[in-house]
Amino acid sequence: MNRALVRNGFIAAGLMNIGGVLLFSRAFTNEVLNNADPVVMSNFGLLMIIVWGLAYIGAAAISTNVKWLAAAFALEKLVYVVVWVRWVSENNVSSVFSEDMFAGAFYAIYGLNDILFMLFFIGVFISQSIGHRD
């Protein structure tokens, strides 16, 4: 995977975390989003998603071997994917949509976004592992 793709992917992941949280939470004022999953998507949890986004953007500035950082990011995304799959299987996203369109959209798509970036981070790890020894 070429360096520009890795850099731009890290930036995209960061902007999705930061922009997504700020948009769908309406800058931490969307109580429907919080109430649908009060543990993971509390305002503190949403703030931590932004912090992860900042870490992704910071990683974009690293010009050499980021494979273990990408592996950690892939694991972090896997955790959110598992949480999302569990949430979707135990809850009704339609009822969240009926309370608030932004919260409903968030719960409908956040896991898909995390799957996409998890695969990207796995790809970075694999591409930087081929031919490299630590």
C-alpha atoms as a PDB file:
ATOM      1  CA  MET A   1       0.000   0.000   0.000  1.00  0.00           C
ATOM      2  CA  ASN A   2       1.587   3.282  -1.019  1.00  0.00           C
ATOM      3  CA  ARG A   3       2.377   5.981   1.528  1.00  0.00           C
ATOM      4  CA  ALA A   4      -0.156   8.496   0.150  1.00  0.00           C
ATOM      5  CA  LEU A   5      -2.998   5.981   0.450  1.00  0.00           C
ATOM      6  CA  VAL A   6      -2.000   5.120   4.012  1.00  0.00           C
ATOM      7  CA  ARG A   7      -1.743   8.800   4.968  1.00  0.00           C
ATOM      8  CA  ASN A   8      -5.058   9.714   3.351  1.00  0.00           C
ATOM      9  CA  GLY A   9      -6.778   6.680   4.870  1.00  0.00           C
ATOM     10  CA  PHE A  10      -5.643   7.640   8.366  1.00  0.00           C
ATOM     11  CA  ILE A  11      -6.849  11.207   7.794  1.00  0.00           C
ATOM     12  CA  ALA A  12     -10.203   9.974   6.443  1.00  0.00           C
ATOM     13  CA  ALA A  13     -10.666   7.696   9.459  1.00  0.00           C
ATOM     14  CA  GLY A  14      -9.930  10.589  11.801  1.00  0.00           C
ATOM     15  CA  LEU A  15     -12.262  12.991  10.028  1.00  0.00           C
ATOM     16  CA  MET A  16     -15.054  10.399  10.009  1.00  0.00           C
ATOM     17  CA  ASN A  17     -14.705   9.902  13.771  1.00  0.00           C
ATOM     18  CA  ILE A  18     -14.532  13.592  14.579  1.00  0.00           C
ATOM     19  CA  GLY A  19     -17.029  14.858  12.027  1.00  0.00           C
ATOM     20  CA  GLY A  20     -19.440  11.973  12.549  1.00  0.00           C
ATOM     21  CA  VAL A  21     -19.589  12.429  16.298  1.00  0.00           C
ATOM     22  CA  LEU A  22     -19.973  16.191  16.086  1.00  0.00           C
ATOM     23  CA  LEU A  23     -22.643  15.992  13.362  1.00  0.00           C
ATOM     24  CA  PHE A  24     -24.788  13.122  14.645  1.00  0.00           C
ATOM     25  CA  SER A  25     -24.513  14.117  18.310  1.00  0.00           C
ATOM     26  CA  ARG A  26     -25.222  17.728  17.332  1.00  0.00           C
ATOM     27  CA  ALA A  27     -22.083  18.755  19.197  1.00  0.00           C
ATOM     28  CA  PHE A  28     -22.881  16.538  22.214  1.00  0.00           C
ATOM     29  CA  THR A  29     -26.484  17.761  22.612  1.00  0.00           C
ATOM     30  CA  ASN A  30     -28.379  14.794  21.096  1.00  0.00           C
ATOM     31  CA  GLU A  31     -29.771  12.952  24.106  1.00  0.00           C
ATOM     32  CA  VAL A  32     -31.546  10.382  21.916  1.00  0.00           C
ATOM     33  CA  LEU A  33     -28.156   9.204  20.647  1.00  0.00           C
ATOM     34  CA  ASN A  34     -26.883   8.978  24.231  1.00  0.00           C
ATOM     35  CA  ASN A  35     -29.973   7.224  25.574  1.00  0.00           C
ATOM     36  CA  ALA A  36     -30.018   4.534  22.874  1.00  0.00           C
ATOM     37  CA  ASP A  37     -26.692   3.201  24.226  1.00  0.00           C
ATOM     38  CA  PRO A  38     -25.875   5.095  27.431  1.00  0.00           C
ATOM     39  CA  VAL A  39     -22.683   3.187  28.182  1.00  0.00           C
ATOM     40  CA  VAL A  40     -20.854   3.228  24.848  1.00  0.00           C
ATOM     41  CA  MET A  41     -22.390   6.390  23.368  1.00  0.00           C
ATOM     42  CA  SER A  42     -22.497   8.606  26.435  1.00  0.00           C
ATOM     43  CA  ASN A  43     -20.971  12.028  25.857  1.00  0.00           C
ATOM     44  CA  PHE A  44     -17.782  10.661  27.417  1.00  0.00           C
ATOM     45  CA  GLY A  45     -17.827   7.723  24.988  1.00  0.00           C
ATOM     46  CA  LEU A  46     -18.399  10.090  22.081  1.00  0.00           C
ATOM     47  CA  LEU A  47     -15.516  12.260  23.261  1.00  0.00           C
ATOM     48  CA  MET A  48     -13.266   9.187  23.302  1.00  0.00           C
ATOM     49  CA  ILE A  49     -14.290   8.447  19.687  1.00  0.00           C
ATOM     50  CA  ILE A  50     -13.072  11.945  18.823  1.00  0.00           C
ATOM     51  CA  VAL A  51      -9.807  11.261  20.677  1.00  0.00           C
ATOM     52  CA  TRP A  52      -9.347   8.101  18.556  1.00  0.00           C
ATOM     53  CA  GLY A  53      -9.954  10.284  15.498  1.00  0.00           C
ATOM     54  CA  LEU A  54      -7.187  12.620  16.602  1.00  0.00           C
ATOM     55  CA  ALA A  55      -4.891   9.606  17.043  1.00  0.00           C
ATOM     56  CA  TYR A  56      -5.625   8.473  13.476  1.00  0.00           C
ATOM     57  CA  ILE A  57      -4.811  11.942  12.141  1.00  0.00           C
ATOM     58  CA  GLY A  58      -1.622  12.016  14.217  1.00  0.00           C
ATOM     59  CA  ALA A  59      -0.622   8.642  12.775  1.00  0.00           C
ATOM     60  CA  ALA A  60      -0.967  10.092   9.271  1.00  0.00           C
ATOM     61  CA  ALA A  61       2.131  12.193   9.972  1.00  0.00           C
ATOM     62  CA  ILE A  62       4.305   9.125  10.635  1.00  0.00           C
ATOM     63  CA  SER A  63       6.256   8.448   7.468  1.00  0.00           C
ATOM     64  CA  THR A  64       7.581   4.952   8.199  1.00  0.00           C
ATOM     65  CA  ASN A  65       6.374   1.624   9.555  1.00  0.00           C
ATOM     66  CA  VAL A  66       3.001   2.088  11.253  1.00  0.00           C
ATOM     67  CA  LYS A  67       1.994  -1.573  11.088  1.00  0.00           C
ATOM     68  CA  TRP A  68       1.627  -2.120  14.841  1.00  0.00           C
ATOM     69  CA  LEU A  69      -0.246   1.142  15.239  1.00  0.00           C
ATOM     70  CA  ALA A  70      -2.540   0.063  12.387  1.00  0.00           C
ATOM     71  CA  ALA A  71      -3.021  -3.296  14.150  1.00  0.00           C
ATOM     72  CA  ALA A  72      -4.045  -1.505  17.352  1.00  0.00           C
ATOM     73  CA  PHE A  73      -6.453   0.678  15.376  1.00  0.00           C
ATOM     74  CA  ALA A  74      -7.917  -2.407  13.668  1.00  0.00           C
ATOM     75  CA  LEU A  75      -8.489  -4.018  17.068  1.00  0.00           C
ATOM     76  CA  GLU A  76     -10.157  -0.842  18.354  1.00  0.00           C
ATOM     77  CA  LYS A  77     -12.447  -0.817  15.325  1.00  0.00           C
ATOM     78  CA  LEU A  78     -13.234  -4.519  15.850  1.00  0.00           C
ATOM     79  CA  VAL A  79     -14.435  -3.723  19.375  1.00  0.00           C
ATOM     80  CA  TYR A  80     -16.830  -1.080  18.024  1.00  0.00           C
ATOM     81  CA  VAL A  81     -18.029  -3.433  15.269  1.00  0.00           C
ATOM     82  CA  VAL A  82     -18.831  -6.135  17.830  1.00  0.00           C
ATOM     83  CA  VAL A  83     -20.625  -3.592  20.028  1.00  0.00           C
ATOM     84  CA  TRP A  84     -22.600  -2.333  17.015  1.00  0.00           C
ATOM     85  CA  VAL A  85     -23.601  -5.839  15.849  1.00  0.00           C
ATOM     86  CA  ARG A  86     -24.749  -6.636  19.359  1.00  0.00           C
ATOM     87  CA  TRP A  87     -26.666  -3.347  19.604  1.00  0.00           C
ATOM     88  CA  VAL A  88     -28.376  -3.855  16.235  1.00  0.00           C
ATOM     89  CA  SER A  89     -29.354  -7.407  17.169  1.00  0.00           C
ATOM     90  CA  GLU A  90     -30.868  -6.335  20.510  1.00  0.00           C
ATOM     91  CA  ASN A  91     -32.455  -2.995  19.555  1.00  0.00           C
ATOM     92  CA  ASN A  92     -34.729  -1.510  16.934  1.00  0.00           C
ATOM     93  CA  VAL A  93     -33.029   1.224  14.939  1.00  0.00           C
ATOM     94  CA  SER A  94     -36.433   2.253  13.540  1.00  0.00           C
ATOM     95  CA  SER A  95     -37.541   3.348  16.992  1.00  0.00           C
ATOM     96  CA  VAL A  96     -34.413   5.488  17.302  1.00  0.00           C
ATOM     97  CA  PHE A  97     -35.144   7.002  13.871  1.00  0.00           C
ATOM     98  CA  SER A  98     -38.666   7.815  15.038  1.00  0.00           C
ATOM     99  CA  GLU A  99     -37.253   9.757  17.991  1.00  0.00           C
ATOM    100  CA  ASP A 100     -34.435  11.502  16.114  1.00  0.00           C
ATOM    101  CA  MET A 101     -33.262  11.217  12.498  1.00  0.00           C
ATOM    102  CA  PHE A 102     -29.617  11.983  13.353  1.00  0.00           C
ATOM    103  CA  ALA A 103     -29.438   9.366  16.112  1.00  0.00           C
ATOM    104  CA  GLY A 104     -31.165   6.801  13.914  1.00  0.00           C
ATOM    105  CA  ALA A 105     -28.759   7.449  11.050  1.00  0.00           C
ATOM    106  CA  PHE A 106     -25.825   7.185  13.432  1.00  0.00           C
ATOM    107  CA  TYR A 107     -26.891   3.782  14.751  1.00  0.00           C
ATOM    108  CA  ALA A 108     -27.738   2.563  11.244  1.00  0.00           C
ATOM    109  CA  ILE A 109     -24.290   3.323   9.811  1.00  0.00           C
ATOM    110  CA  TYR A 110     -21.586   3.625  12.446  1.00  0.00           C
ATOM    111  CA  GLY A 111     -20.750  -0.084  12.456  1.00  0.00           C
ATOM    112  CA  LEU A 112     -20.479  -0.172   8.667  1.00  0.00           C
ATOM    113  CA  ASN A 113     -18.055   2.747   8.813  1.00  0.00           C
ATOM    114  CA  ASP A 114     -16.033   0.931  11.480  1.00  0.00           C
ATOM    115  CA  ILE A 115     -15.933  -2.263   9.387  1.00  0.00           C
ATOM    116  CA  LEU A 116     -14.606  -0.285   6.421  1.00  0.00           C
ATOM    117  CA  PHE A 117     -11.830   1.361   8.411  1.00  0.00           C
ATOM    118  CA  MET A 118     -11.043  -1.849  10.302  1.00  0.00           C
ATOM    119  CA  LEU A 119     -10.389  -3.506   6.937  1.00  0.00           C
ATOM    120  CA  PHE A 120      -8.274  -0.532   5.886  1.00  0.00           C
ATOM    121  CA  PHE A 121      -6.155  -0.774   9.052  1.00  0.00           C
ATOM    122  CA  ILE A 122      -5.778  -4.541   8.571  1.00  0.00           C
ATOM    123  CA  GLY A 123      -4.659  -3.840   5.002  1.00  0.00           C
ATOM    124  CA  VAL A 124      -2.043  -1.368   6.235  1.00  0.00           C
ATOM    125  CA  PHE A 125      -0.779  -3.924   8.756  1.00  0.00           C
ATOM    126  CA  ILE A 126      -0.540  -6.680   6.153  1.00  0.00           C
ATOM    127  CA  SER A 127       1.048  -4.494   3.482  1.00  0.00           C
ATOM    128  CA  GLN A 128       3.682  -3.223   5.896  1.00  0.00           C
ATOM    129  CA  SER A 129       4.328  -6.701   7.287  1.00  0.00           C
ATOM    130  CA  ILE A 130       5.239  -8.239   3.954  1.00  0.00           C
ATOM    131  CA  GLY A 131       9.005  -8.237   3.691  1.00  0.00           C
ATOM    132  CA  HIS A 132       9.554  -6.435   7.027  1.00  0.00           C
ATOM    133  CA  ARG A 133      10.881  -7.955  10.217  1.00  0.00           C
ATOM    134  CA  ASP A 134      10.682  -6.266  13.615  1.00  0.00           C
END
